[in-house]
C-alpha cells in the first residue's frame, strides 16, 4: 500500500481521473492493491478523522474528496471460470479487461457503450448495457460482492448472507463500502450484430422519426439509440463526417438485423453505414465514445414515452443552433430492463421506456446547464425520473429536474446506510 500527501511526488498523478472538470484535493491518498489495503485505509481514516472516497478510473467524479481518497486502479485482476460462466472482477479493472478475458472463452459480460470505464463502478451504479433490452442491467448479473464497510471489516455479500446490503449495493448509488471485487455472470456471446449509421443534421427530423418507428417495432433482442453531435474538422474524424453536425443511430442485437427494419433509415441516405457483425472484443466501436480525459457536464431524464413533439424540441433546442454545443443521446430501454431480476436490486424507475441525455464540454458550466434545462423542461411532461449514472459534473440541484430515486427506494437505501455506515464515514468518489 502506497500513500501520498499534498506536495508529494506522484500525488497529482494518483488523484487524476477521466473527468477533469472536478478534481479531488484529498488530505491523504491510499493507493490500494488489495482488500487488506482497503481495510487499512478505513482504519487510517478513522484515526485521522477523515471521510473516505474511492476512485477507480474517475469517470464519475461529481464532488471533490478532501479527506482520504482510496485509488483502486492497481486492483485490476479478472479471473474467468468458463465452466460456471462467471468472472471475478477486482475493484479497479476496466470493462475492456473483462471483455478480453471473457472473450477468450466465447463469453461476454454485460457492458455499456464505453468499455474503458471501471467495471465495478459501471456495474454497481446499475449499468445501462449495450444489449440492455435483452439482458437487463449489468447489476442484475452480480452474484457476490466483497466489500469493506465503515467498521473496517471485509464482508462477502450475497443474496443470502446479507440480503439488504446486497440489494442496496446493486444499483443504489450510495457509498456503502469500499468494494474489493465482485462476481458476475457471463453470457455466451462471441459476436454482436449491429453498428451504426451516420446522417447529416439536415435530415434530423426524418432520422429521429425513423428511429422512433424502429424502436416501436424492435424486438427485445435489439437495443437502439440515437446521438446528435457536432464533430470537429480534424483528421481524427472520418472524412465524410469531418466538420459536420451529425446524427448517429447505434444498434446492438443478439440476432442478425432484418434489412426491412433498417430500410427507412437507409432510404434517408446515411453518410456512413457500418452495420454487420461486431466481435465481442470490439463492441466499443459501436458508439466510439472518447477515451481521453476531458471536462464535461450533463444530465438526463428517464421518459415514459417519446412523442414526436419532444423529438422536435430536442432537435431545435440541442441541435446545431443551440446556444452552446450539445451532445444528445436517446437510448431505448424496456425489455429485460423493465423486468425485476430474480434477485431484486435497487435500480429505480424500471418502467422507463427511454433515457434522454444532454452533455456539453465544460468551458461554461452555467451556460451549458441553462441550455440543457431547456431540453429537460420540454421533456418534463413525459419524465418518470432520472438516472444517477448519467449525471455528470458538480451536482445540479435545480428543483425542476426529476428525482434520482422513487421514494420507496430512497427510504430503504437510507435505512441500509444507517446500519452499515452510521457515522457517515464514507463519501461518494468517482
Protein backbone atom coordinates (compact mmCIF):
# COMPACT_ATOMS: atom_id res chain seq x y z
CA UNK A 1 0.00 0.00 0.00
CA UNK A 2 1.40 3.36 -1.06
CA UNK A 3 0.31 6.64 0.50
CA UNK A 4 0.55 10.20 -0.78
CA UNK A 5 0.02 13.63 0.71
CA UNK A 6 -0.35 17.00 -0.99
CA UNK A 7 3.03 18.06 -2.39
CA UNK A 8 4.38 14.51 -2.60
CA UNK A 9 5.82 13.27 -5.86
CA UNK A 10 3.10 11.23 -7.57
CA UNK A 11 0.20 12.86 -5.68
CA UNK A 12 -1.19 14.71 -8.71
CA UNK A 13 -0.97 11.67 -10.96
CA UNK A 14 -2.64 9.48 -8.34
CA UNK A 15 -5.69 11.69 -7.90
CA UNK A 16 -6.18 12.40 -11.62
CA UNK A 17 -9.36 10.99 -13.18
CA UNK A 18 -11.10 10.80 -16.54
CA UNK A 19 -13.49 13.62 -15.61
CA UNK A 20 -11.26 16.71 -15.41
CA UNK A 21 -13.95 19.24 -14.54
CA UNK A 22 -13.99 18.07 -10.92
CA UNK A 23 -10.65 17.39 -9.26
CA UNK A 24 -10.13 15.70 -5.93
CA UNK A 25 -7.99 17.52 -3.34
CA UNK A 26 -7.66 14.95 -0.57
CA UNK A 27 -5.56 15.38 2.51
CA UNK A 28 -4.31 11.80 2.07
CA UNK A 29 -4.32 9.25 -0.74
CA UNK A 30 -4.10 5.49 -0.29
CA UNK A 31 -3.14 3.57 -3.44
CA UNK A 32 -4.70 0.20 -2.68
CA UNK A 33 -3.51 -3.11 -4.09
CA UNK A 34 -5.66 -5.50 -2.05
CA UNK A 35 -8.70 -5.84 0.17
CA UNK A 36 -6.38 -5.60 3.18
CA UNK A 37 -5.27 -2.19 1.92
CA UNK A 38 -8.90 -1.08 1.75
CA UNK A 39 -9.44 -2.14 5.36
CA UNK A 40 -6.27 -0.33 6.43
CA UNK A 41 -7.43 2.80 4.61
CA UNK A 42 -10.67 2.80 6.61
CA UNK A 43 -8.73 2.39 9.86
CA UNK A 44 -6.41 5.28 8.97
CA UNK A 45 -9.36 7.47 8.05
CA UNK A 46 -10.92 6.80 11.44
CA UNK A 47 -7.68 7.56 13.24
CA UNK A 48 -7.28 10.87 11.37
CA UNK A 49 -10.94 11.89 11.46
CA UNK A 50 -11.23 11.89 7.65
CA UNK A 51 -14.09 10.85 5.38
CA UNK A 52 -13.30 8.21 2.75
CA UNK A 53 -13.91 8.36 -1.00
CA UNK A 54 -12.93 5.85 -3.68
CA UNK A 55 -11.73 6.32 -7.25
CA UNK A 56 -11.04 3.72 -9.94
CA UNK A 57 -10.98 5.47 -13.32
CA UNK A 58 -12.55 8.75 -12.27
CA UNK A 59 -15.33 8.80 -14.87
CA UNK A 60 -17.98 9.52 -12.25
CA UNK A 61 -16.38 12.27 -10.16
CA UNK A 62 -19.06 14.73 -9.05
CA UNK A 63 -17.91 16.11 -5.68
CA UNK A 64 -14.19 16.56 -4.87
CA UNK A 65 -12.87 14.47 -2.00
CA UNK A 66 -10.98 16.44 0.65
CA UNK A 67 -10.42 13.73 3.24
CA UNK A 68 -8.89 10.35 2.37
CA UNK A 69 -9.08 9.16 -1.22
CA UNK A 70 -8.58 5.47 -1.96
CA UNK A 71 -7.48 4.69 -5.53
CA UNK A 72 -8.11 1.16 -6.77
CA UNK A 73 -6.53 1.19 -10.26
CA UNK A 74 -3.88 -1.33 -9.13
CA UNK A 75 -6.61 -3.83 -8.21
CA UNK A 76 -7.17 -4.75 -11.84
CA UNK A 77 -7.37 -8.54 -11.83
CA UNK A 78 -10.00 -10.54 -13.72
CA UNK A 79 -10.49 -14.31 -13.29
CA UNK A 80 -12.88 -16.20 -15.55
CA UNK A 81 -14.48 -19.54 -14.70
CA UNK A 82 -15.63 -20.73 -18.14
CA UNK A 83 -17.50 -23.74 -16.75
CA UNK A 84 -19.56 -21.67 -14.32
CA UNK A 85 -19.73 -18.79 -16.83
CA UNK A 86 -18.68 -16.29 -14.19
CA UNK A 87 -15.89 -13.80 -13.67
CA UNK A 88 -14.32 -12.37 -10.55
CA UNK A 89 -13.57 -8.71 -11.19
CA UNK A 90 -11.36 -6.63 -8.91
CA UNK A 91 -12.27 -3.07 -7.96
CA UNK A 92 -10.04 -1.26 -10.45
CA UNK A 93 -10.49 -3.44 -13.54
CA UNK A 94 -11.82 -1.72 -16.64
CA UNK A 95 -14.70 -3.11 -18.62
CA UNK A 96 -12.35 -3.72 -21.55
CA UNK A 97 -10.24 -6.08 -19.42
CA UNK A 98 -13.31 -8.14 -18.52
CA UNK A 99 -14.35 -8.25 -22.18
CA UNK A 100 -10.93 -9.53 -23.26
CA UNK A 101 -10.71 -12.17 -20.52
CA UNK A 102 -14.24 -13.46 -21.17
CA UNK A 103 -13.89 -13.45 -24.98
CA UNK A 104 -11.10 -16.00 -24.74
CA UNK A 105 -13.82 -18.46 -23.70
CA UNK A 106 -16.55 -17.28 -26.08
CA UNK A 107 -18.23 -15.36 -23.26
CA UNK A 108 -19.04 -11.72 -22.56
CA UNK A 109 -20.08 -9.52 -19.64
CA UNK A 110 -22.92 -7.02 -19.78
CA UNK A 111 -21.04 -3.85 -20.77
CA UNK A 112 -22.04 -0.36 -21.73
CA UNK A 113 -21.24 1.93 -24.61
CA UNK A 114 -17.77 2.81 -23.26
CA UNK A 115 -15.71 -0.26 -22.22
CA UNK A 116 -12.95 1.96 -20.80
CA UNK A 117 -14.92 2.75 -17.66
CA UNK A 118 -14.32 0.88 -14.41
CA UNK A 119 -16.25 -2.40 -14.48
CA UNK A 120 -17.23 -2.33 -10.80
CA UNK A 121 -18.37 1.30 -10.82
CA UNK A 122 -20.34 0.83 -14.04
CA UNK A 123 -21.98 -2.37 -12.83
CA UNK A 124 -22.88 -1.36 -9.30
CA UNK A 125 -24.22 2.00 -10.49
CA UNK A 126 -26.80 -0.04 -12.39
CA UNK A 127 -25.08 -0.47 -15.72
CA UNK A 128 -27.08 0.52 -18.82
CA UNK A 129 -25.97 -2.33 -21.06
CA UNK A 130 -25.24 -2.22 -24.76
CA UNK A 131 -27.77 -5.07 -25.00
CA UNK A 132 -29.86 -3.95 -22.06
CA UNK A 133 -33.22 -4.80 -23.61
CA UNK A 134 -32.06 -8.40 -23.99
CA UNK A 135 -30.10 -8.96 -20.79
CA UNK A 136 -31.21 -6.20 -18.41
CA UNK A 137 -28.97 -4.01 -16.31
CA UNK A 138 -25.39 -5.09 -15.63
CA UNK A 139 -26.07 -5.12 -11.90
CA UNK A 140 -28.77 -7.76 -12.42
CA UNK A 141 -25.93 -10.20 -13.15
CA UNK A 142 -23.92 -9.71 -9.95
CA UNK A 143 -23.60 -12.87 -7.86
CA UNK A 144 -21.40 -11.73 -4.94
CA UNK A 145 -19.53 -8.66 -3.72
CA UNK A 146 -16.52 -8.35 -1.43
CA UNK A 147 -16.77 -5.03 0.38
CA UNK A 148 -15.04 -3.32 3.30
CA UNK A 149 -17.61 -1.43 5.36
CA UNK A 150 -17.04 1.57 7.61
CA UNK A 151 -16.14 -0.67 10.55
CA UNK A 152 -13.08 -1.87 8.61
CA UNK A 153 -14.48 -5.37 8.15
CA UNK A 154 -14.26 -7.26 4.84
CA UNK A 155 -17.59 -8.88 4.05
CA UNK A 156 -18.65 -11.34 1.36
CA UNK A 157 -22.10 -10.02 0.48
CA UNK A 158 -24.61 -12.22 -1.37
CA UNK A 159 -28.35 -12.55 -1.70
CA UNK A 160 -28.38 -14.99 1.24
CA UNK A 161 -25.60 -13.67 3.50
CA UNK A 162 -26.73 -10.02 3.73
CA UNK A 163 -29.77 -9.52 1.52
CA UNK A 164 -30.43 -5.85 2.36
CA UNK A 165 -26.85 -4.77 1.70
CA UNK A 166 -26.70 -6.92 -1.45
CA UNK A 167 -29.86 -5.21 -2.69
CA UNK A 168 -28.52 -1.73 -1.94
CA UNK A 169 -25.05 -2.22 -3.42
CA UNK A 170 -26.55 -3.20 -6.77
CA UNK A 171 -27.90 -0.04 -8.36
CA UNK A 172 -28.37 2.02 -5.20
CA UNK A 173 -25.63 4.55 -5.84
CA UNK A 174 -24.99 5.12 -2.13
CA UNK A 175 -21.48 5.00 -0.57
CA UNK A 176 -21.98 1.85 1.48
CA UNK A 177 -18.45 0.43 1.46
CA UNK A 178 -15.15 0.06 -0.37
CA UNK A 179 -15.70 -2.69 -2.92
CA UNK A 180 -12.76 -5.06 -3.35
CA UNK A 181 -14.30 -7.16 -6.10
CA UNK A 182 -17.43 -8.78 -7.46
CA UNK A 183 -18.53 -12.00 -9.09
CA UNK A 184 -20.65 -11.56 -12.22
CA UNK A 185 -22.41 -13.93 -14.56
CA UNK A 186 -21.12 -14.06 -18.15
CA UNK A 187 -23.08 -14.60 -21.35
CA UNK A 188 -22.33 -16.88 -24.34
CA UNK A 189 -21.95 -14.02 -26.81
CA UNK A 190 -18.92 -14.12 -29.15
CA UNK A 191 -20.37 -11.50 -31.55
CA UNK A 192 -22.89 -8.67 -31.54
CA UNK A 193 -24.94 -7.83 -34.62
CA UNK A 194 -25.06 -4.11 -35.12
CA UNK A 195 -23.01 -1.00 -35.64
CA UNK A 196 -24.02 2.49 -36.65
CA UNK A 197 -25.37 4.79 -39.34
CA UNK A 198 -24.37 8.48 -39.51
CA UNK A 199 -26.56 11.18 -41.09
CA UNK A 200 -26.11 14.86 -41.74
CA UNK A 201 -28.13 17.03 -39.35
CA UNK A 202 -30.16 18.46 -42.22
CA UNK A 203 -32.03 15.13 -42.11
CA UNK A 204 -32.54 15.25 -38.32
CA UNK A 205 -36.34 15.33 -38.40
CA UNK A 206 -36.55 12.30 -40.69
CA UNK A 207 -33.87 10.36 -38.78
CA UNK A 208 -35.49 10.93 -35.39
CA UNK A 209 -38.87 9.86 -36.77
CA UNK A 210 -37.34 6.73 -38.31
CA UNK A 211 -35.54 5.98 -35.04
CA UNK A 212 -38.78 6.28 -33.09
CA UNK A 213 -40.56 3.97 -35.54
CA UNK A 214 -37.70 1.46 -35.39
CA UNK A 215 -37.83 1.29 -31.59
CA UNK A 216 -41.60 0.83 -31.68
CA UNK A 217 -41.15 -2.21 -33.94
CA UNK A 218 -37.99 -3.65 -32.38
CA UNK A 219 -37.95 -6.94 -30.52
CA UNK A 220 -36.17 -7.26 -27.17
CA UNK A 221 -33.17 -8.73 -28.99
CA UNK A 222 -32.32 -5.23 -30.27
CA UNK A 223 -31.19 -2.23 -28.22
CA UNK A 224 -31.04 1.00 -30.23
CA UNK A 225 -30.06 4.61 -29.59
CA UNK A 226 -29.51 7.83 -31.49
CA UNK A 227 -26.94 10.53 -30.82
CA UNK A 228 -26.63 14.08 -32.12
CA UNK A 229 -23.25 15.84 -32.06
CA UNK A 230 -21.14 18.41 -33.87
CA UNK A 231 -17.84 16.89 -35.00
CA UNK A 232 -14.68 18.96 -35.40
CA UNK A 233 -12.86 19.41 -38.73
CA UNK A 234 -9.83 17.34 -37.72
CA UNK A 235 -8.07 14.36 -39.28
CA UNK A 236 -9.12 12.06 -36.43
CA UNK A 237 -12.73 12.30 -37.66
CA UNK A 238 -13.55 10.19 -40.77
CA UNK A 239 -13.68 12.38 -43.86
CA UNK A 240 -17.42 12.00 -44.62
CA UNK A 241 -18.22 13.26 -41.09
CA UNK A 242 -15.48 15.85 -40.66
CA UNK A 243 -16.76 19.25 -39.57
CA UNK A 244 -20.42 18.21 -39.76
CA UNK A 245 -23.23 18.16 -37.24
CA UNK A 246 -24.45 14.57 -37.43
CA UNK A 247 -26.93 12.08 -36.07
CA UNK A 248 -25.60 8.63 -35.19
CA UNK A 249 -28.02 5.72 -34.93
CA UNK A 250 -26.42 2.91 -32.89
CA UNK A 251 -27.66 -0.70 -32.99
CA UNK A 252 -26.79 -3.77 -30.93
CA UNK A 253 -28.58 -7.09 -31.31
CA UNK A 254 -28.12 -10.74 -30.43
CA UNK A 255 -29.55 -11.68 -33.83
CA UNK A 256 -28.80 -10.58 -37.41
CA UNK A 257 -30.69 -7.39 -38.16
CA UNK A 258 -33.66 -7.58 -40.52
CA UNK A 259 -32.87 -5.35 -43.54
CA UNK A 260 -36.53 -4.31 -43.66
CA UNK A 261 -36.20 -2.81 -40.18
CA UNK A 262 -33.30 -0.63 -41.35
CA UNK A 263 -34.78 0.25 -44.77
CA UNK A 264 -36.47 3.52 -43.68
CA UNK A 265 -33.19 4.78 -42.21
CA UNK A 266 -31.15 3.75 -45.22
CA UNK A 267 -33.66 5.46 -47.52
CA UNK A 268 -32.73 8.77 -45.89
CA UNK A 269 -29.17 8.42 -47.16
CA UNK A 270 -26.56 7.85 -44.44
CA UNK A 271 -23.11 9.42 -44.74
CA UNK A 272 -21.64 6.26 -43.20
CA UNK A 273 -23.33 2.86 -42.92
CA UNK A 274 -21.43 0.34 -40.81
CA UNK A 275 -23.79 -2.41 -39.72
CA UNK A 276 -22.76 -6.03 -39.52
CA UNK A 277 -21.12 -8.48 -37.13
CA UNK A 278 -19.08 -6.90 -34.35
CA UNK A 279 -16.71 -9.16 -32.36
CA UNK A 280 -17.32 -9.00 -28.62
CA UNK A 281 -13.86 -7.50 -28.18
CA UNK A 282 -14.76 -4.56 -30.44
CA UNK A 283 -18.17 -3.53 -29.11
CA UNK A 284 -16.76 -0.16 -28.05
CA UNK A 285 -16.63 0.74 -31.76
CA UNK A 286 -20.44 0.85 -31.94
CA UNK A 287 -20.60 4.15 -30.04
CA UNK A 288 -16.98 5.23 -30.50
CA UNK A 289 -17.00 7.36 -27.35
CA UNK A 290 -13.87 9.36 -26.43
CA UNK A 291 -11.25 7.52 -24.38
CA UNK A 292 -9.15 10.51 -23.26
CA UNK A 293 -9.67 12.58 -20.08
CA UNK A 294 -11.68 15.78 -20.56
CA UNK A 295 -14.14 18.07 -18.75
CA UNK A 296 -17.85 17.55 -19.30
CA UNK A 297 -21.16 18.36 -17.69
CA UNK A 298 -24.57 16.86 -18.33
CA UNK A 299 -27.68 15.19 -17.04
CA UNK A 300 -30.63 13.12 -18.16
CA UNK A 301 -34.30 12.34 -17.82
CA UNK A 302 -35.96 8.95 -17.97
CA UNK A 303 -39.01 9.02 -20.21
CA UNK A 304 -42.25 7.09 -20.19
CA UNK A 305 -42.74 7.86 -23.89
CA UNK A 306 -41.01 9.61 -26.79
CA UNK A 307 -43.63 11.68 -28.64
CA UNK A 308 -42.88 13.49 -31.91
CA UNK A 309 -43.32 16.88 -30.22
CA UNK A 310 -40.45 16.09 -27.85
CA UNK A 311 -38.20 14.95 -30.69
CA UNK A 312 -38.90 18.26 -32.46
CA UNK A 313 -38.00 20.16 -29.29
CA UNK A 314 -34.76 18.23 -28.81
CA UNK A 315 -33.76 18.81 -32.42
CA UNK A 316 -34.44 22.54 -32.11
CA UNK A 317 -33.06 23.20 -28.63
CA UNK A 318 -29.94 20.99 -28.73
CA UNK A 319 -29.12 20.85 -32.43
CA UNK A 320 -26.70 22.92 -34.50
CA UNK A 321 -28.31 26.24 -33.46
CA UNK A 322 -28.18 25.57 -29.70
CA UNK A 323 -26.63 28.41 -27.64
CA UNK A 324 -23.81 26.06 -26.57
CA UNK A 325 -22.62 22.90 -28.34
CA UNK A 326 -24.66 19.96 -27.04
CA UNK A 327 -24.31 16.22 -27.30
CA UNK A 328 -27.66 14.44 -27.30
CA UNK A 329 -28.14 10.74 -26.62
CA UNK A 330 -31.53 9.00 -26.68
CA UNK A 331 -31.49 5.31 -25.73
CA UNK A 332 -34.37 2.88 -25.83
CA UNK A 333 -34.94 0.99 -22.59
CA UNK A 334 -37.66 -1.55 -21.77
CA UNK A 335 -37.45 -5.25 -22.48
CA UNK A 336 -35.40 -7.03 -19.82
CA UNK A 337 -34.58 -3.67 -18.22
CA UNK A 338 -38.25 -3.32 -17.29
CA UNK A 339 -38.39 -6.68 -15.56
CA UNK A 340 -37.44 -7.25 -11.92
CA UNK A 341 -34.48 -9.68 -11.81
CA UNK A 342 -34.65 -12.99 -9.96
CA UNK A 343 -32.80 -11.35 -7.07
CA UNK A 344 -34.24 -7.81 -6.84
CA UNK A 345 -31.85 -4.86 -6.73
CA UNK A 346 -32.07 -1.12 -6.11
CA UNK A 347 -32.32 0.06 -9.73
CA UNK A 348 -35.25 2.53 -9.76
CA UNK A 349 -37.71 3.51 -12.48
CA UNK A 350 -37.63 0.22 -14.39
CA UNK A 351 -40.78 1.26 -16.21
CA UNK A 352 -38.94 3.96 -18.20
CA UNK A 353 -39.09 3.48 -21.97
CA UNK A 354 -36.20 5.78 -22.96
CA UNK A 355 -33.42 7.84 -21.42
CA UNK A 356 -32.58 11.28 -22.84
CA UNK A 357 -29.10 12.58 -22.06
CA UNK A 358 -27.67 16.00 -22.86
CA UNK A 359 -23.97 16.81 -22.33
CA UNK A 360 -21.54 19.58 -23.17
CA UNK A 361 -17.88 20.25 -22.69
CA UNK A 362 -17.36 22.36 -19.62
CA UNK A 363 -15.95 25.68 -20.79
CA UNK A 364 -19.01 27.42 -19.29
CA UNK A 365 -20.92 25.17 -16.89
CA UNK A 366 -23.74 27.63 -16.21
CA UNK A 367 -24.36 28.31 -19.91
CA UNK A 368 -24.32 24.57 -20.64
CA UNK A 369 -26.75 23.79 -17.85
CA UNK A 370 -29.07 26.58 -18.94
CA UNK A 371 -29.24 25.05 -22.43
CA UNK A 372 -29.71 21.55 -21.02
CA UNK A 373 -32.53 22.70 -18.75
CA UNK A 374 -34.43 23.99 -21.77
CA UNK A 375 -34.39 20.47 -23.20
CA UNK A 376 -35.35 18.87 -19.90
CA UNK A 377 -38.21 21.34 -19.46
CA UNK A 378 -39.60 20.21 -22.82
CA UNK A 379 -39.27 16.59 -21.63
CA UNK A 380 -40.85 17.22 -18.22
CA UNK A 381 -44.40 16.13 -19.15
CA UNK A 382 -43.04 12.71 -20.16
CA UNK A 383 -40.39 12.26 -17.45
CA UNK A 384 -40.62 9.48 -14.87
CA UNK A 385 -37.28 10.01 -13.13
CA UNK A 386 -33.58 10.43 -13.64
CA UNK A 387 -30.59 8.04 -13.74
CA UNK A 388 -27.77 8.83 -11.29
CA UNK A 389 -25.26 7.05 -13.53
CA UNK A 390 -25.89 9.60 -16.30
CA UNK A 391 -25.46 12.76 -14.20
CA UNK A 392 -22.09 14.41 -14.85
CA UNK A 393 -20.14 17.20 -13.21
CA UNK A 394 -20.99 19.01 -9.96
CA UNK A 395 -24.45 18.07 -8.65
CA UNK A 396 -27.28 20.05 -10.23
CA UNK A 397 -29.79 20.98 -7.54
CA UNK A 398 -32.34 22.54 -9.88
CA UNK A 399 -35.70 21.55 -8.35
CA UNK A 400 -37.28 21.19 -11.78
CA UNK A 401 -35.20 18.08 -12.50
CA UNK A 402 -36.84 14.72 -11.74
CA UNK A 403 -35.80 12.68 -8.72
CA UNK A 404 -32.92 10.20 -8.92
CA UNK A 405 -34.92 7.61 -6.96
CA UNK A 406 -38.52 6.87 -6.14
CA UNK A 407 -39.50 7.43 -2.51
CA UNK A 408 -39.61 3.78 -1.51
CA UNK A 409 -36.14 3.06 -2.92
CA UNK A 410 -34.69 6.21 -1.36
CA UNK A 411 -36.15 5.34 2.05
CA UNK A 412 -34.84 1.77 2.00
CA UNK A 413 -31.37 2.91 0.91
CA UNK A 414 -31.31 5.41 3.76
CA UNK A 415 -32.12 2.67 6.26
CA UNK A 416 -29.37 0.40 4.90
CA UNK A 417 -26.83 3.20 5.11
CA UNK A 418 -27.77 3.93 8.72
CA UNK A 419 -26.91 0.32 9.54
CA UNK A 420 -23.63 -0.08 7.61
CA UNK A 421 -22.26 3.47 7.92
CA UNK A 422 -23.98 5.08 10.92
CA UNK A 423 -21.31 7.80 11.30
CA UNK A 424 -21.27 8.82 7.62
CA UNK A 425 -17.60 7.92 7.17
CA UNK A 426 -17.98 7.04 3.51
CA UNK A 427 -18.23 9.62 0.74
CA UNK A 428 -19.15 9.29 -2.93
CA UNK A 429 -15.97 9.34 -5.01
CA UNK A 430 -15.54 8.60 -8.69
